[in-house]
Amino acid sequence: MNEFIAEMPSYTYALKAEKLLKARGIRCEIKRREEGCGYNLHVYNKTSLAVLSKNGVPYKLKEPEVH
């Protein structure tokens, strides 16, 4: 399963995004960032990110780490 991580500018936007996606039946979860004091929204399909963009929810897609 693919996981996409959207870095949210604030906890308020993370909550708004979560509510928006869950209302559409899209699985997601908010997690606190390991570094800093921000929050990430974890989603499991790329379509969810389009929903955020269409509804004016700002985010930055976190690039996956290469090991």
PDB file of N, CA and C in Angstrom:
ATOM      1  N   MET A   1       0.847  -1.174   0.000  1.00  0.00           N
ATOM      2  CA  MET A   1       0.000   0.000   0.000  1.00  0.00           C
ATOM      3  C   MET A   1       0.896   1.242   0.000  1.00  0.00           C
ATOM      4  N   ASN A   2       0.579   2.166  -0.881  1.00  0.00           N
ATOM      5  CA  ASN A   2       1.329   3.418  -0.921  1.00  0.00           C
ATOM      6  C   ASN A   2       0.879   4.337   0.190  1.00  0.00           C
ATOM      7  N   GLU A   3       1.834   5.042   0.741  1.00  0.00           N
ATOM      8  CA  GLU A   3       1.522   6.034   1.769  1.00  0.00           C
ATOM      9  C   GLU A   3       2.110   7.361   1.320  1.00  0.00           C
ATOM     10  N   PHE A   4       1.298   8.393   1.364  1.00  0.00           N
ATOM     11  CA  PHE A   4       1.733   9.736   1.024  1.00  0.00           C
ATOM     12  C   PHE A   4       1.634  10.583   2.282  1.00  0.00           C
ATOM     13  N   ILE A   5       2.632  11.426   2.484  1.00  0.00           N
ATOM     14  CA  ILE A   5       2.663  12.259   3.681  1.00  0.00           C
ATOM     15  C   ILE A   5       2.570  13.720   3.272  1.00  0.00           C
ATOM     16  N   ALA A   6       1.506  14.363   3.728  1.00  0.00           N
ATOM     17  CA  ALA A   6       1.296  15.784   3.458  1.00  0.00           C
ATOM     18  C   ALA A   6       1.684  16.557   4.715  1.00  0.00           C
ATOM     19  N   GLU A   7       2.721  17.382   4.601  1.00  0.00           N
ATOM     20  CA  GLU A   7       3.118  18.229   5.730  1.00  0.00           C
ATOM     21  C   GLU A   7       2.145  19.396   5.800  1.00  0.00           C
ATOM     22  N   MET A   8       1.504  19.530   6.936  1.00  0.00           N
ATOM     23  CA  MET A   8       0.489  20.559   7.108  1.00  0.00           C
ATOM     24  C   MET A   8       1.093  21.791   7.779  1.00  0.00           C
ATOM     25  N   PRO A   9       0.650  22.999   7.397  1.00  0.00           N
ATOM     26  CA  PRO A   9       1.212  24.209   7.987  1.00  0.00           C
ATOM     27  C   PRO A   9       0.777  24.442   9.436  1.00  0.00           C
ATOM     28  N   SER A  10      -0.300  23.779   9.860  1.00  0.00           N
ATOM     29  CA  SER A  10      -0.763  23.942  11.245  1.00  0.00           C
ATOM     30  C   SER A  10      -1.661  22.766  11.621  1.00  0.00           C
ATOM     31  N   TYR A  11      -1.882  22.620  12.907  1.00  0.00           N
ATOM     32  CA  TYR A  11      -2.775  21.568  13.389  1.00  0.00           C
ATOM     33  C   TYR A  11      -4.203  21.828  12.912  1.00  0.00           C
ATOM     34  N   THR A  12      -4.581  23.097  12.830  1.00  0.00           N
ATOM     35  CA  THR A  12      -5.923  23.459  12.378  1.00  0.00           C
ATOM     36  C   THR A  12      -6.159  22.971  10.950  1.00  0.00           C
ATOM     37  N   TYR A  13      -5.182  23.165  10.065  1.00  0.00           N
ATOM     38  CA  TYR A  13      -5.315  22.682   8.694  1.00  0.00           C
ATOM     39  C   TYR A  13      -5.313  21.154   8.647  1.00  0.00           C
ATOM     40  N   ALA A  14      -4.545  20.526   9.499  1.00  0.00           N
ATOM     41  CA  ALA A  14      -4.527  19.065   9.555  1.00  0.00           C
ATOM     42  C   ALA A  14      -5.917  18.541   9.926  1.00  0.00           C
ATOM     43  N   LEU A  15      -6.559  19.157  10.898  1.00  0.00           N
ATOM     44  CA  LEU A  15      -7.912  18.750  11.303  1.00  0.00           C
ATOM     45  C   LEU A  15      -8.925  18.986  10.189  1.00  0.00           C
ATOM     46  N   LYS A  16      -8.801  20.143   9.523  1.00  0.00           N
ATOM     47  CA  LYS A  16      -9.705  20.457   8.414  1.00  0.00           C
ATOM     48  C   LYS A  16      -9.558  19.420   7.306  1.00  0.00           C
ATOM     49  N   ALA A  17      -8.317  19.078   6.976  1.00  0.00           N
ATOM     50  CA  ALA A  17      -8.056  18.095   5.929  1.00  0.00           C
ATOM     51  C   ALA A  17      -8.611  16.722   6.318  1.00  0.00           C
ATOM     52  N   GLU A  18      -8.382  16.320   7.552  1.00  0.00           N
ATOM     53  CA  GLU A  18      -8.874  15.031   8.027  1.00  0.00           C
ATOM     54  C   GLU A  18     -10.407  14.963   7.931  1.00  0.00           C
ATOM     55  N   LYS A  19     -11.064  15.996   8.368  1.00  0.00           N
ATOM     56  CA  LYS A  19     -12.529  16.035   8.337  1.00  0.00           C
ATOM     57  C   LYS A  19     -13.036  15.977   6.890  1.00  0.00           C
ATOM     58  N   LEU A  20     -12.397  16.724   6.015  1.00  0.00           N
ATOM     59  CA  LEU A  20     -12.766  16.772   4.604  1.00  0.00           C
ATOM     60  C   LEU A  20     -12.634  15.393   3.951  1.00  0.00           C
ATOM     61  N   LEU A  21     -11.522  14.729   4.201  1.00  0.00           N
ATOM     62  CA  LEU A  21     -11.284  13.420   3.591  1.00  0.00           C
ATOM     63  C   LEU A  21     -12.178  12.332   4.185  1.00  0.00           C
ATOM     64  N   LYS A  22     -12.310  12.320   5.499  1.00  0.00           N
ATOM     65  CA  LYS A  22     -13.141  11.286   6.137  1.00  0.00           C
ATOM     66  C   LYS A  22     -14.605  11.417   5.744  1.00  0.00           C
ATOM     67  N   ALA A  23     -15.065  12.649   5.483  1.00  0.00           N
ATOM     68  CA  ALA A  23     -16.445  12.854   5.032  1.00  0.00           C
ATOM     69  C   ALA A  23     -16.671  12.222   3.660  1.00  0.00           C
ATOM     70  N   ARG A  24     -15.585  12.033   2.908  1.00  0.00           N
ATOM     71  CA  ARG A  24     -15.655  11.409   1.592  1.00  0.00           C
ATOM     72  C   ARG A  24     -15.268   9.927   1.642  1.00  0.00           C
ATOM     73  N   GLY A  25     -15.102   9.395   2.836  1.00  0.00           N
ATOM     74  CA  GLY A  25     -14.777   7.983   3.000  1.00  0.00           C
ATOM     75  C   GLY A  25     -13.324   7.652   2.696  1.00  0.00           C
ATOM     76  N   ILE A  26     -12.449   8.648   2.763  1.00  0.00           N
ATOM     77  CA  ILE A  26     -11.028   8.445   2.466  1.00  0.00           C
ATOM     78  C   ILE A  26     -10.266   8.264   3.772  1.00  0.00           C
ATOM     79  N   ARG A  27      -9.549   7.161   3.865  1.00  0.00           N
ATOM     80  CA  ARG A  27      -8.777   6.850   5.069  1.00  0.00           C
ATOM     81  C   ARG A  27      -7.569   7.784   5.187  1.00  0.00           C
ATOM     82  N   CYS A  28      -7.375   8.340   6.372  1.00  0.00           N
ATOM     83  CA  CYS A  28      -6.227   9.206   6.631  1.00  0.00           C
ATOM     84  C   CYS A  28      -6.012   9.276   8.134  1.00  0.00           C
ATOM     85  N   GLU A  29      -4.835   9.760   8.524  1.00  0.00           N
ATOM     86  CA  GLU A  29      -4.574   9.948   9.946  1.00  0.00           C
ATOM     87  C   GLU A  29      -3.552  11.060  10.152  1.00  0.00           C
ATOM     88  N   ILE A  30      -3.734  11.790  11.232  1.00  0.00           N
ATOM     89  CA  ILE A  30      -2.824  12.872  11.597  1.00  0.00           C
ATOM     90  C   ILE A  30      -1.761  12.299  12.532  1.00  0.00           C
ATOM     91  N   LYS A  31      -0.515  12.645  12.247  1.00  0.00           N
ATOM     92  CA  LYS A  31       0.591  12.237  13.124  1.00  0.00           C
ATOM     93  C   LYS A  31       1.491  13.435  13.360  1.00  0.00           C
ATOM     94  N   ARG A  32       1.999  13.534  14.562  1.00  0.00           N
ATOM     95  CA  ARG A  32       2.933  14.600  14.898  1.00  0.00           C
ATOM     96  C   ARG A  32       4.268  14.320  14.211  1.00  0.00           C
ATOM     97  N   ARG A  33       4.887  15.364  13.698  1.00  0.00           N
ATOM     98  CA  ARG A  33       6.201  15.204  13.052  1.00  0.00           C
ATOM     99  C   ARG A  33       7.240  14.809  14.080  1.00  0.00           C
ATOM    100  N   GLU A  34       8.182  13.997  13.645  1.00  0.00           N
ATOM    101  CA  GLU A  34       9.266  13.589  14.539  1.00  0.00           C
ATOM    102  C   GLU A  34      10.190  14.756  14.833  1.00  0.00           C
ATOM    103  N   GLU A  35      10.400  15.603  13.821  1.00  0.00           N
ATOM    104  CA  GLU A  35      11.243  16.778  14.019  1.00  0.00           C
ATOM    105  C   GLU A  35      10.350  18.022  14.053  1.00  0.00           C
ATOM    106  N   GLY A  36      10.633  18.916  14.932  1.00  0.00           N
ATOM    107  CA  GLY A  36       9.835  20.137  15.014  1.00  0.00           C
ATOM    108  C   GLY A  36       8.520  19.928  15.741  1.00  0.00           C
ATOM    109  N   CYS A  37       7.634  20.877  15.551  1.00  0.00           N
ATOM    110  CA  CYS A  37       6.371  20.825  16.294  1.00  0.00           C
ATOM    111  C   CYS A  37       5.158  20.781  15.367  1.00  0.00           C
ATOM    112  N   GLY A  38       5.355  20.387  14.113  1.00  0.00           N
ATOM    113  CA  GLY A  38       4.259  20.365  13.162  1.00  0.00           C
ATOM    114  C   GLY A  38       3.534  19.037  13.105  1.00  0.00           C
ATOM    115  N   TYR A  39       2.606  18.950  12.160  1.00  0.00           N
ATOM    116  CA  TYR A  39       1.792  17.749  11.985  1.00  0.00           C
ATOM    117  C   TYR A  39       1.785  17.325  10.524  1.00  0.00           C
ATOM    118  N   ASN A  40       1.709  16.027  10.314  1.00  0.00           N
ATOM    119  CA  ASN A  40       1.599  15.453   8.978  1.00  0.00           C
ATOM    120  C   ASN A  40       0.266  14.738   8.856  1.00  0.00           C
ATOM    121  N   LEU A  41      -0.252  14.733   7.646  1.00  0.00           N
ATOM    122  CA  LEU A  41      -1.455  13.975   7.347  1.00  0.00           C
ATOM    123  C   LEU A  41      -1.024  12.813   6.456  1.00  0.00           C
ATOM    124  N   HIS A  42      -1.263  11.595   6.922  1.00  0.00           N
ATOM    125  CA  HIS A  42      -0.899  10.400   6.173  1.00  0.00           C
ATOM    126  C   HIS A  42      -2.126   9.931   5.403  1.00  0.00           C
ATOM    127  N   VAL A  43      -1.965   9.813   4.079  1.00  0.00           N
ATOM    128  CA  VAL A  43      -3.050   9.342   3.214  1.00  0.00           C
ATOM    129  C   VAL A  43      -2.522   8.165   2.400  1.00  0.00           C
ATOM    130  N   TYR A  44      -3.422   7.396   1.824  1.00  0.00           N
ATOM    131  CA  TYR A  44      -3.019   6.145   1.203  1.00  0.00           C
ATOM    132  C   TYR A  44      -3.353   6.043  -0.279  1.00  0.00           C
ATOM    133  N   ASN A  45      -3.747   7.161  -0.874  1.00  0.00           N
ATOM    134  CA  ASN A  45      -3.856   7.229  -2.331  1.00  0.00           C
ATOM    135  C   ASN A  45      -3.683   8.677  -2.763  1.00  0.00           C
ATOM    136  N   LYS A  46      -3.172   8.840  -3.956  1.00  0.00           N
ATOM    137  CA  LYS A  46      -2.825  10.178  -4.438  1.00  0.00           C
ATOM    138  C   LYS A  46      -4.067  11.023  -4.725  1.00  0.00           C
ATOM    139  N   THR A  47      -5.198  10.395  -4.966  1.00  0.00           N
ATOM    140  CA  THR A  47      -6.440  11.122  -5.223  1.00  0.00           C
ATOM    141  C   THR A  47      -6.816  12.003  -4.040  1.00  0.00           C
ATOM    142  N   SER A  48      -6.506  11.553  -2.841  1.00  0.00           N
ATOM    143  CA  SER A  48      -6.831  12.331  -1.639  1.00  0.00           C
ATOM    144  C   SER A  48      -6.152  13.695  -1.661  1.00  0.00           C
ATOM    145  N   LEU A  49      -4.943  13.738  -2.207  1.00  0.00           N
ATOM    146  CA  LEU A  49      -4.220  15.011  -2.262  1.00  0.00           C
ATOM    147  C   LEU A  49      -4.910  15.990  -3.210  1.00  0.00           C
ATOM    148  N   ALA A  50      -5.509  15.474  -4.280  1.00  0.00           N
ATOM    149  CA  ALA A  50      -6.253  16.322  -5.208  1.00  0.00           C
ATOM    150  C   ALA A  50      -7.470  16.939  -4.508  1.00  0.00           C
ATOM    151  N   VAL A  51      -8.101  16.172  -3.626  1.00  0.00           N
ATOM    152  CA  VAL A  51      -9.258  16.677  -2.866  1.00  0.00           C
ATOM    153  C   VAL A  51      -8.818  17.864  -1.997  1.00  0.00           C
ATOM    154  N   LEU A  52      -7.655  17.737  -1.373  1.00  0.00           N
ATOM    155  CA  LEU A  52      -7.150  18.836  -0.539  1.00  0.00           C
ATOM    156  C   LEU A  52      -6.897  20.073  -1.382  1.00  0.00           C
ATOM    157  N   SER A  53      -6.248  19.894  -2.523  1.00  0.00           N
ATOM    158  CA  SER A  53      -5.933  21.023  -3.406  1.00  0.00           C
ATOM    159  C   SER A  53      -7.204  21.719  -3.899  1.00  0.00           C
ATOM    160  N   LYS A  54      -8.192  20.928  -4.325  1.00  0.00           N
ATOM    161  CA  LYS A  54      -9.445  21.499  -4.841  1.00  0.00           C
ATOM    162  C   LYS A  54     -10.199  22.288  -3.780  1.00  0.00           C
ATOM    163  N   ASN A  55      -9.982  21.945  -2.511  1.00  0.00           N
ATOM    164  CA  ASN A  55     -10.701  22.610  -1.427  1.00  0.00           C
ATOM    165  C   ASN A  55      -9.853  23.657  -0.707  1.00  0.00           C
ATOM    166  N   GLY A  56      -8.713  24.017  -1.291  1.00  0.00           N
ATOM    167  CA  GLY A  56      -7.900  25.105  -0.752  1.00  0.00           C
ATOM    168  C   GLY A  56      -7.168  24.799   0.537  1.00  0.00           C
ATOM    169  N   VAL A  57      -6.884  23.535   0.790  1.00  0.00           N
ATOM    170  CA  VAL A  57      -6.148  23.158   2.002  1.00  0.00           C
ATOM    171  C   VAL A  57      -4.660  23.103   1.648  1.00  0.00           C
ATOM    172  N   PRO A  58      -3.851  23.986   2.234  1.00  0.00           N
ATOM    173  CA  PRO A  58      -2.428  24.003   1.899  1.00  0.00           C
ATOM    174  C   PRO A  58      -1.674  22.827   2.525  1.00  0.00           C
ATOM    175  N   TYR A  59      -0.729  22.291   1.783  1.00  0.00           N
ATOM    176  CA  TYR A  59       0.122  21.209   2.283  1.00  0.00           C
ATOM    177  C   TYR A  59       1.368  21.157   1.410  1.00  0.00           C
ATOM    178  N   LYS A  60       2.358  20.466   1.909  1.00  0.00           N
ATOM    179  CA  LYS A  60       3.580  20.220   1.143  1.00  0.00           C
ATOM    180  C   LYS A  60       3.796  18.718   1.160  1.00  0.00           C
ATOM    181  N   LEU A  61       3.917  18.127  -0.018  1.00  0.00           N
ATOM    182  CA  LEU A  61       4.124  16.682  -0.107  1.00  0.00           C
ATOM    183  C   LEU A  61       5.535  16.350   0.337  1.00  0.00           C
ATOM    184  N   LYS A  62       5.631  15.481   1.331  1.00  0.00           N
ATOM    185  CA  LYS A  62       6.937  15.074   1.839  1.00  0.00           C
ATOM    186  C   LYS A  62       7.474  13.965   0.943  1.00  0.00           C
ATOM    187  N   GLU A  63       8.692  14.145   0.483  1.00  0.00           N
ATOM    188  CA  GLU A  63       9.320  13.146  -0.370  1.00  0.00           C
ATOM    189  C   GLU A  63       9.723  11.926   0.467  1.00  0.00           C
ATOM    190  N   PRO A  64       9.510  10.726  -0.052  1.00  0.00           N
ATOM    191  CA  PRO A  64       9.900   9.527   0.709  1.00  0.00           C
ATOM    192  C   PRO A  64      11.431   9.465   0.864  1.00  0.00           C
ATOM    193  N   GLU A  65      11.860   8.966   2.010  1.00  0.00           N
ATOM    194  CA  GLU A  65      13.294   8.844   2.287  1.00  0.00           C
ATOM    195  C   GLU A  65      13.836   7.614   1.570  1.00  0.00           C
ATOM    196  N   VAL A  66      15.010   7.765   0.975  1.00  0.00           N
ATOM    197  CA  VAL A  66      15.660   6.654   0.294  1.00  0.00           C
ATOM    198  C   VAL A  66      16.742   6.110   1.216  1.00  0.00           C
ATOM    199  N   HIS A  67      16.696   4.803   1.477  1.00  0.00           N
ATOM    200  CA  HIS A  67      17.672   4.185   2.377  1.00  0.00           C
ATOM    201  C   HIS A  67      18.712   3.440   1.595  1.00  0.00           C
TER     202      HIS A  67
END
